[in-house]
Protein backbone atom coordinates (compact mmCIF):
# COMPACT_ATOMS: atom_id res chain seq x y z
CA MET A 1 29.16 0.54 -19.87
CA ASP A 2 31.36 0.57 -16.69
CA SER A 3 30.30 -0.76 -13.31
CA GLU A 4 29.71 2.71 -11.84
CA THR A 5 27.34 3.64 -14.67
CA GLU A 6 25.46 0.35 -14.21
CA GLN A 7 25.14 1.04 -10.49
CA GLN A 8 23.80 4.54 -11.19
CA LEU A 9 21.21 3.19 -13.64
CA PHE A 10 20.16 0.53 -11.14
CA ALA A 11 19.88 3.15 -8.41
CA ARG A 12 17.72 5.36 -10.68
CA LYS A 13 15.41 2.47 -11.53
CA ARG A 14 15.09 1.50 -7.88
CA LEU A 15 14.40 5.11 -6.88
CA GLY A 16 11.83 5.43 -9.68
CA TRP A 17 10.10 2.24 -8.52
CA ARG A 18 10.01 3.55 -4.96
CA ARG A 19 8.47 6.79 -6.14
CA THR A 20 5.73 5.09 -8.12
CA ALA A 21 5.18 1.98 -5.99
CA PRO A 22 2.26 2.07 -3.56
CA GLY A 23 3.20 2.82 0.02
CA MET A 24 2.35 0.72 3.06
CA ALA A 25 -0.61 2.98 3.87
CA SER A 26 -2.06 2.36 0.39
CA LEU A 27 -1.58 -1.39 0.64
CA ALA A 28 -3.12 -1.43 4.12
CA LEU A 29 -6.14 0.56 2.93
CA PHE A 30 -6.72 -1.67 -0.09
CA ALA A 31 -6.33 -4.78 2.09
CA LEU A 32 -8.87 -3.34 4.54
CA VAL A 33 -11.28 -2.60 1.69
CA ALA A 34 -10.85 -6.14 0.34
CA LEU A 35 -11.49 -7.68 3.77
CA SER A 36 -14.51 -5.42 4.27
CA LEU A 37 -15.90 -6.47 0.89
CA LEU A 38 -15.47 -10.11 1.82
CA ALA A 39 -17.12 -9.50 5.19
CA ALA A 40 -20.00 -7.60 3.57
CA THR A 41 -20.46 -10.36 1.00
CA TRP A 42 -20.54 -12.99 3.72
CA LEU A 43 -22.97 -10.92 5.82
CA ILE A 44 -25.26 -10.29 2.85
CA PHE A 45 -25.22 -13.98 1.97
CA SER A 46 -25.93 -14.91 5.60
CA THR A 47 -28.76 -12.36 5.81
CA VAL A 48 -30.35 -13.59 2.59
CA ARG A 49 -30.07 -17.16 3.80
CA ALA A 50 -31.55 -16.21 7.18
CA GLU A 51 -34.43 -14.36 5.50
CA ARG A 52 -35.10 -17.38 3.30
CA ALA A 53 -35.03 -19.63 6.36
CA GLU A 54 -37.40 -17.22 8.13
CA ARG A 55 -39.83 -17.31 5.20
CA VAL A 56 -39.69 -21.11 5.11
CA GLN A 57 -40.19 -21.29 8.88
CA ALA A 58 -43.09 -18.82 8.68
CA ALA A 59 -44.81 -20.96 6.04
CA GLN A 60 -44.09 -24.10 8.07
CA THR A 61 -45.42 -22.54 11.27
CA ARG A 62 -48.55 -21.26 9.51
CA ASP A 63 -49.32 -24.63 7.97
CA VAL A 64 -48.68 -26.51 11.25
CA LEU A 65 -50.87 -24.10 13.22
CA ASP A 66 -53.65 -24.31 10.62
CA THR A 67 -53.48 -28.10 10.60
CA LEU A 68 -53.53 -28.34 14.40
CA ARG A 69 -56.50 -25.98 14.54
CA GLU A 70 -58.23 -28.07 11.88
CA ILE A 71 -57.68 -31.25 13.94
CA VAL A 72 -58.96 -29.59 17.11
CA SER A 73 -61.87 -28.00 15.20
CA ALA A 74 -62.80 -31.35 13.61
CA THR A 75 -62.74 -32.97 17.05
CA VAL A 76 -64.85 -30.20 18.61
CA ASN A 77 -67.39 -30.33 15.76
CA ALA A 78 -67.60 -34.10 15.99
CA GLU A 79 -68.06 -33.88 19.77
CA THR A 80 -70.85 -31.30 19.36
CA GLY A 81 -72.68 -33.52 16.89
CA GLN A 82 -72.15 -36.58 19.12
CA ARG A 83 -73.57 -34.86 22.20
CA GLY A 84 -76.57 -33.43 20.27
CA TYR A 85 -77.42 -36.86 18.81
CA ILE A 86 -77.20 -38.65 22.17
CA LEU A 87 -79.23 -36.05 24.03
CA THR A 88 -81.94 -35.47 21.36
CA LEU A 89 -81.74 -38.68 19.30
CA ASP A 90 -82.08 -36.38 16.29
CA ARG A 91 -80.00 -37.81 13.49
CA ARG A 92 -79.50 -34.40 12.02
CA TYR A 93 -76.87 -33.86 14.70
CA LEU A 94 -74.84 -36.64 13.19
CA ALA A 95 -73.85 -34.41 10.25
CA PRO A 96 -71.19 -32.39 12.22
CA TYR A 97 -69.95 -35.61 13.80
CA GLN A 98 -69.61 -37.36 10.46
CA LEU A 99 -67.98 -34.30 8.87
CA GLY A 100 -65.40 -34.06 11.68
CA ALA A 101 -64.71 -37.81 11.55
CA ALA A 102 -64.19 -37.60 7.77
CA SER A 103 -61.85 -34.55 7.82
CA TYR A 104 -59.72 -35.68 10.77
CA PRO A 105 -57.62 -38.41 8.98
CA ALA A 106 -56.65 -36.06 6.14
CA ALA A 107 -55.63 -33.35 8.62
CA MET A 108 -53.53 -35.85 10.61
CA ARG A 109 -51.77 -37.06 7.47
CA ARG A 110 -50.98 -33.44 6.57
CA LEU A 111 -49.53 -32.90 10.06
CA HIS A 112 -47.30 -35.94 9.56
CA ALA A 113 -46.10 -34.57 6.20
CA LEU A 114 -45.29 -31.18 7.73
CA LEU A 115 -43.47 -32.31 10.87
CA ASP A 116 -41.81 -35.61 10.08
CA PRO A 117 -39.03 -34.20 7.79
CA VAL A 118 -37.99 -31.34 10.10
CA ALA A 119 -39.37 -32.10 13.58
CA ASP A 120 -37.06 -32.62 16.54
CA ARG A 121 -37.65 -35.11 19.32
CA PRO A 122 -40.05 -32.91 21.42
CA GLN A 123 -42.14 -32.08 18.35
CA ARG A 124 -42.36 -35.71 17.29
CA ASP A 125 -43.43 -36.71 20.80
CA LEU A 126 -46.09 -33.97 20.87
CA ARG A 127 -47.35 -34.88 17.41
CA ALA A 128 -47.65 -38.53 18.45
CA ARG A 129 -49.44 -37.42 21.61
CA VAL A 130 -51.91 -35.29 19.60
CA GLU A 131 -52.63 -38.24 17.29
CA LYS A 132 -53.09 -40.65 20.17
CA LEU A 133 -55.49 -38.30 22.01
CA ALA A 134 -57.48 -37.47 18.85
CA ASP A 135 -57.76 -41.17 17.94
CA ALA A 136 -58.92 -41.95 21.46
CA LYS A 137 -61.47 -39.14 21.37
CA PHE A 138 -62.92 -40.22 18.03
CA ALA A 139 -62.98 -43.86 19.25
CA GLU A 140 -64.89 -42.73 22.36
CA MET A 141 -67.39 -40.77 20.23
CA ALA A 142 -67.82 -43.64 17.76
CA GLU A 143 -68.53 -46.03 20.64
CA THR A 144 -71.27 -43.82 22.18
CA VAL A 145 -72.91 -43.25 18.78
CA SER A 146 -72.88 -47.01 18.22
CA LEU A 147 -74.53 -47.57 21.62
CA VAL A 148 -77.37 -45.19 20.65
CA ASP A 149 -77.78 -46.93 17.30
CA ASP A 150 -78.03 -50.26 19.18
CA GLY A 151 -80.70 -48.84 21.48
CA GLN A 152 -78.46 -48.68 24.56
CA ILE A 153 -79.27 -45.03 25.17
CA LEU A 154 -78.75 -45.08 28.93
CA ASP A 155 -75.29 -46.60 28.56
CA ALA A 156 -74.42 -44.00 25.92
CA LYS A 157 -75.59 -41.13 28.15
CA GLU A 158 -73.72 -42.57 31.10
CA ARG A 159 -70.58 -42.74 29.00
CA LEU A 160 -71.19 -39.20 27.74
CA LEU A 161 -71.61 -37.79 31.27
CA SER A 162 -68.37 -39.40 32.48
CA ASP A 163 -65.07 -37.38 32.57
CA GLU A 164 -63.36 -39.56 29.97
CA GLY A 165 -64.35 -37.52 26.92
CA GLN A 166 -63.85 -34.22 28.67
CA ASP A 167 -60.37 -35.20 29.87
CA LEU A 168 -59.35 -36.37 26.40
CA MET A 169 -60.53 -33.09 24.86
CA THR A 170 -58.79 -30.94 27.48
CA GLU A 171 -55.52 -32.83 27.09
CA LEU A 172 -55.81 -32.67 23.29
CA ARG A 173 -56.16 -28.89 23.38
CA ALA A 174 -53.19 -28.56 25.80
CA THR A 175 -50.95 -30.81 23.72
CA ALA A 176 -51.85 -29.00 20.51
CA GLY A 177 -51.10 -25.70 22.30
CA GLU A 178 -47.62 -26.95 23.28
CA LEU A 179 -46.90 -27.94 19.72
CA GLU A 180 -48.12 -24.53 18.52
CA ALA A 181 -45.88 -22.79 21.08
CA ILE A 182 -42.82 -24.69 19.81
CA GLU A 183 -43.57 -23.72 16.21
CA GLU A 184 -44.11 -20.08 17.18
CA GLY A 185 -40.84 -20.11 19.15
CA ARG A 186 -39.00 -21.42 16.11
CA LEU A 187 -40.46 -18.62 14.03
CA ARG A 188 -39.42 -16.01 16.61
CA GLN A 189 -35.91 -17.48 16.69
CA ALA A 190 -35.59 -17.30 12.90
CA ALA A 191 -36.87 -13.71 12.94
CA ALA A 192 -34.36 -12.79 15.69
CA ILE A 193 -31.46 -14.22 13.67
CA THR A 194 -32.53 -12.24 10.60
CA LEU A 195 -32.94 -9.06 12.63
CA ARG A 196 -29.49 -9.48 14.21
CA LEU A 197 -27.84 -9.93 10.83
CA GLU A 198 -29.72 -6.98 9.36
CA SER A 199 -28.65 -4.79 12.30
CA ARG A 200 -25.00 -5.62 11.53
CA MET A 201 -25.46 -4.86 7.87
CA ALA A 202 -26.05 -1.10 8.14
CA PRO A 203 -22.86 -0.08 10.04
CA LEU A 204 -20.75 -2.44 7.93
CA LEU A 205 -22.09 -0.95 4.71
CA VAL A 206 -21.51 2.59 6.01
CA GLY A 207 -17.94 1.71 6.98
CA LEU A 208 -17.39 -0.01 3.65
CA LEU A 209 -18.66 3.06 1.82
CA GLY A 210 -16.18 5.20 3.75
CA LEU A 211 -13.33 2.82 2.91
CA ILE A 212 -14.28 2.76 -0.76
CA LEU A 213 -14.35 6.56 -0.86
CA GLY A 214 -10.94 6.60 0.83
CA ALA A 215 -9.64 4.07 -1.69
CA LEU A 216 -10.97 6.18 -4.56
CA VAL A 217 -9.25 9.29 -3.19
CA LEU A 218 -6.05 7.31 -2.67
CA GLY A 219 -6.32 5.86 -6.18
CA LEU A 220 -6.75 9.34 -7.63
CA TRP A 221 -3.73 10.48 -5.68
CA GLN A 222 -1.74 7.52 -7.00
CA VAL A 223 -2.80 8.38 -10.56
CA VAL A 224 -1.67 11.98 -10.10
CA ARG A 225 1.54 10.78 -8.51
CA GLY A 226 2.14 8.33 -11.33
CA ALA A 227 1.54 11.03 -13.94
CA ARG A 228 3.96 13.31 -12.13
CA ALA A 229 6.52 10.49 -11.94
CA GLU A 230 6.13 9.87 -15.67
CA ALA A 231 6.66 13.57 -16.34
CA LEU A 232 9.75 13.57 -14.13
CA ALA A 233 11.00 10.44 -15.87
CA ALA A 234 10.52 12.09 -19.26
CA THR A 235 12.38 15.17 -18.00
CA ALA A 236 15.14 12.97 -16.58
CA GLN A 237 15.40 11.21 -19.95
CA ASP A 238 15.73 14.56 -21.72
CA LEU A 239 18.37 15.66 -19.21
CA SER A 240 20.22 12.39 -19.65
CA GLU A 241 20.25 12.81 -23.42
CA ALA A 242 21.42 16.41 -23.06
CA ARG A 243 24.16 15.29 -20.66
CA ASP A 244 25.24 12.60 -23.11
CA ARG A 245 25.47 15.21 -25.86
CA ALA A 246 27.42 17.52 -23.54
CA ASP A 247 29.79 14.66 -22.63
CA LEU A 248 30.29 13.91 -26.32
CA LEU A 249 31.10 17.56 -27.02
CA ALA A 250 33.42 17.68 -24.00
CA ARG A 251 35.29 14.61 -25.20
CA GLU A 252 35.57 16.08 -28.65
CA LEU A 253 36.84 19.36 -27.18
CA ASN A 254 39.35 17.53 -24.98
CA HIS A 255 40.56 15.64 -28.01
CA ARG A 256 41.06 18.88 -29.93
CA VAL A 257 42.83 20.50 -26.96
CA LYS A 258 45.20 17.54 -26.69
CA ASN A 259 45.82 17.75 -30.42
CA LEU A 260 46.51 21.45 -29.96
CA PHE A 261 49.02 20.65 -27.20
CA ALA A 262 50.67 18.15 -29.52
CA VAL A 263 50.88 20.77 -32.32
CA VAL A 264 52.35 23.36 -29.93
CA LEU A 265 54.90 20.84 -28.65
CA ALA A 266 55.84 19.97 -32.21
CA ILE A 267 56.23 23.65 -33.11
CA VAL A 268 58.41 24.27 -30.02
CA ARG A 269 60.66 21.32 -30.78
CA MET A 270 60.92 22.22 -34.47
CA SER A 271 61.78 25.81 -33.54
CA GLY A 272 64.74 24.64 -31.42
CA ARG A 273 65.97 22.05 -33.88
CA GLY A 274 69.49 22.80 -35.11
CA ASP A 275 70.12 25.34 -32.33
CA PRO A 276 72.00 23.64 -29.46
CA ALA A 277 71.87 26.83 -27.38
CA ALA A 278 68.06 26.76 -27.36
CA LYS A 279 67.78 23.09 -26.37
CA ALA A 280 67.56 23.78 -22.61
CA THR A 281 64.85 26.39 -23.14
CA VAL A 282 62.92 24.11 -25.48
CA ASP A 283 63.10 21.25 -22.95
CA LYS A 284 61.79 23.50 -20.16
CA ILE A 285 58.92 24.71 -22.33
CA ALA A 286 58.12 21.15 -23.38
CA GLU A 287 58.15 19.95 -19.76
CA ARG A 288 55.80 22.75 -18.74
CA LEU A 289 53.50 21.95 -21.65
CA HIS A 290 53.48 18.30 -20.60
CA ALA A 291 52.63 19.33 -17.04
CA LEU A 292 49.87 21.58 -18.30
CA LEU A 293 48.51 18.73 -20.43
CA ARG A 294 48.55 16.41 -17.40
CA SER A 295 46.70 19.02 -15.35
CA HIS A 296 44.15 19.38 -18.13
CA GLU A 297 43.58 15.60 -18.29
CA VAL A 298 43.04 15.37 -14.53
CA THR A 299 40.67 18.31 -14.34
CA GLN A 300 38.67 17.06 -17.32
CA GLY A 301 38.40 13.51 -16.01
CA ASP A 302 40.35 12.00 -18.87
CA GLY A 303 42.56 9.84 -16.67
CA ALA A 304 42.27 6.07 -16.51
CA LEU A 305 42.16 6.00 -12.72
CA GLN A 306 38.83 6.03 -10.95
CA THR A 307 40.35 7.62 -7.81
CA ILE A 308 43.10 10.13 -7.08
CA GLU A 309 44.76 11.47 -3.95
CA LEU A 310 43.91 15.04 -2.99
CA ARG A 311 47.62 15.91 -2.64
CA GLU A 312 48.32 14.60 -6.14
CA LEU A 313 45.41 16.61 -7.51
CA ILE A 314 46.75 19.83 -5.95
CA GLU A 315 50.30 19.16 -7.11
CA THR A 316 49.06 18.41 -10.61
CA ALA A 317 47.17 21.71 -10.70
CA LEU A 318 50.35 23.63 -9.66
CA ALA A 319 52.83 21.55 -11.69
CA PRO A 320 52.68 23.63 -14.92
CA TYR A 321 54.01 26.70 -13.13
CA ARG A 322 57.23 25.17 -11.75
CA LEU A 323 57.11 27.11 -8.50
CA ASP A 324 60.04 27.37 -6.15
CA GLY A 325 59.50 25.03 -3.22
CA SER A 326 59.95 27.89 -0.77
CA ARG A 327 57.00 29.78 -2.23
CA TYR A 328 54.28 27.26 -1.56
CA ARG A 329 53.35 24.74 1.07
CA ILE A 330 51.03 21.73 0.66
CA ASP A 331 50.07 19.84 3.79
CA GLY A 332 47.11 17.70 4.87
CA ASP A 333 45.70 14.31 5.80
CA PRO A 334 45.56 11.47 3.25
CA VAL A 335 42.32 11.85 1.28
CA THR A 336 41.28 9.69 -1.66
CA LEU A 337 38.81 11.22 -4.09
CA ARG A 338 36.53 9.53 -6.58
CA SER A 339 36.74 10.68 -10.16
CA THR A 340 33.29 12.28 -9.84
CA MET A 341 34.73 14.51 -7.08
CA ALA A 342 38.16 14.99 -8.66
CA VAL A 343 36.85 16.62 -11.84
CA PRO A 344 34.94 19.58 -10.32
CA LEU A 345 37.51 20.01 -7.53
CA GLY A 346 40.34 19.89 -10.08
CA LEU A 347 38.60 22.61 -12.10
CA VAL A 348 38.42 24.81 -8.99
CA LEU A 349 42.08 24.24 -8.14
CA HIS A 350 43.12 24.91 -11.72
CA GLU A 351 41.10 28.13 -11.73
CA LEU A 352 42.62 29.25 -8.42
CA ALA A 353 46.15 28.42 -9.62
CA THR A 354 45.60 30.31 -12.87
CA ASN A 355 44.27 33.34 -11.00
CA ALA A 356 47.21 33.17 -8.55
CA VAL A 357 49.68 33.15 -11.42
CA LYS A 358 47.92 35.94 -13.36
CA TYR A 359 46.74 38.27 -10.58
CA GLY A 360 47.56 36.82 -7.15
CA SER A 361 50.51 35.91 -5.00
CA LEU A 362 52.27 33.83 -7.67
CA ALA A 363 52.34 36.81 -10.01
CA THR A 364 54.97 38.51 -7.77
CA ALA A 365 58.42 37.36 -6.73
CA GLU A 366 57.61 37.65 -3.02
CA GLY A 367 54.20 35.96 -3.05
CA THR A 368 53.55 32.67 -1.28
CA LEU A 369 50.81 30.06 -1.35
CA ALA A 370 49.69 27.67 1.37
CA VAL A 371 47.24 24.83 0.71
CA GLU A 372 46.21 22.95 3.85
CA TRP A 373 43.37 20.55 4.61
CA LYS A 374 42.05 18.39 7.43
CA ARG A 375 39.73 15.44 7.34
CA ASP A 376 37.02 15.19 9.99
CA ALA A 377 34.81 12.09 9.89
CA LYS A 378 33.38 12.19 6.35
CA ARG A 379 34.13 15.80 5.47
CA VAL A 380 37.25 17.67 4.39
CA ARG A 381 38.02 21.32 5.09
CA LEU A 382 40.60 22.77 2.67
CA THR A 383 42.15 26.25 2.88
CA TRP A 384 43.88 27.98 -0.05
CA ARG A 385 45.67 31.06 1.26
CA GLU A 386 47.72 33.51 -0.82
CA ASP A 387 50.03 36.13 0.67
CA GLY A 388 52.19 38.84 -0.91
CA ALA A 389 49.76 40.27 -3.48
CA ALA A 390 47.46 42.86 -2.02
CA LEU A 391 44.20 43.45 -3.81
CA GLU A 392 42.78 46.92 -3.83
CA SER A 393 39.21 45.56 -3.72
CA PRO A 394 37.29 42.37 -4.53
CA PRO A 395 36.07 41.96 -8.15
CA ALA A 396 32.98 44.09 -8.75
CA GLU A 397 31.40 41.48 -11.04
CA GLU A 398 31.56 37.72 -11.18
CA GLY A 399 33.29 36.36 -14.26
CA PHE A 400 33.32 32.91 -15.76
CA GLY A 401 35.79 31.70 -13.10
CA SER A 402 33.46 32.69 -10.27
CA MET A 403 30.52 30.95 -11.94
CA LEU A 404 32.69 27.85 -12.50
CA ILE A 405 33.65 27.79 -8.80
CA ALA A 406 30.01 28.18 -7.71
CA GLY A 407 28.87 25.41 -10.08
CA SER A 408 31.65 23.11 -8.90
CA ALA A 409 30.62 23.67 -5.29
CA ARG A 410 27.19 22.32 -6.12
CA GLN A 411 28.72 19.34 -7.91
CA ILE A 412 30.89 18.31 -4.96
CA GLY A 413 27.99 18.80 -2.55
CA GLY A 414 29.91 21.28 -0.40
CA THR A 415 30.67 24.97 0.01
CA ILE A 416 33.37 27.24 -1.38
CA GLU A 417 33.87 30.66 0.21
CA ARG A 418 36.33 33.39 -0.79
CA SER A 419 37.55 36.23 1.42
CA PHE A 420 39.97 39.02 0.55
CA HIS A 421 42.51 40.32 3.07
CA PRO A 422 45.17 43.05 2.79
CA THR A 423 47.90 40.69 1.55
CA GLY A 424 45.92 38.39 -0.69
CA VAL A 425 42.95 36.04 -0.92
CA GLU A 426 41.79 33.05 1.12
CA VAL A 427 39.49 30.34 -0.20
CA THR A 428 37.85 27.83 2.16
CA MET A 429 36.28 24.66 0.80
CA GLU A 430 34.26 22.03 2.64
CA PHE A 431 33.05 18.88 0.92
CA PRO A 432 32.14 15.29 1.78
CA VAL A 433 34.25 12.27 0.95
CA GLY A 434 33.13 8.67 0.87
């Protein structure tokens, strides 16, 4: 496989990859979907964690509030029993006092268990303050009850009517209220965090749904595109195999034509053998056959060269007809053609030369031919003009030669136009050159 064929195969593979590879828009969309999924996952995780923290805080707040109310309630009940006993000396009033004094230590221990692991400095200070006030209140009540039991009723009543117990109870209620306010604030803060995260969740999920739908549509489009690319690849493979078969047949045909030339040359030489007078004629015929064979090799792409000069290609096409130099003119800029351009262009020139010899200006003794071309940037404009052979009218139907010229124009990526004038025909060709 030559280097040009390898380059063509590489170019086809690269073009096929570009056709089937995802574009930048697809990659950007899938990246956006992936980032949105990660963001949604993080937000869902954060929301779940916040909701769990809110539930834990709600349970904590409820237990703390209940325990504080139990401590205050136990203190109030004990104070009610204490006052009733001192004022009435009825020991039945001692029951609420004793019940409050018995339940208070357990409630205080429960408050320690609830706050100590999670409490901050203000909460710990308030909890210590509540405990100190409650202990002082129960100590004050125990002392007055003991005074009554010892018969010091007046001292007990004097102590009861003082502001000490009332102040302790008022401060206890206020301190417990502060601690309750902190716990309720913590619960509100946890609920606000959860609400904020939940409010972000809805628009993100809606946007994510839109992106996923877009990705699905894009994926479907990529599947359709891939299927179409596979179909085109299969068609290209079939065309490549057909072209290979056509190339094989063309090579076989060229081989047979060359063999036919060799047989004709052998027949011509054998016919002139032994006849010295015919030697000059035989040599001329042999030279023209050799020129025709060379023209055939160039136009069929059988040469070893990968490039050829445009002038050489034109001269090769006209060489078999041994024209008088005064009857034709070839002039133009230096132009080098690749073999892929030389083959179809050589076929056109060969067809034009054959038509000129059979029907055109070269079929008469007075006819002339001018082939001129100019190169402009990356394009060449070539003019083939015949004079001296008037045509009554253009051909009514297109023959094989016309179809060959039209097909060659497509192969060279240019245009070929024919116009008929009173003294002959003019053909204008434009094609790109690398």
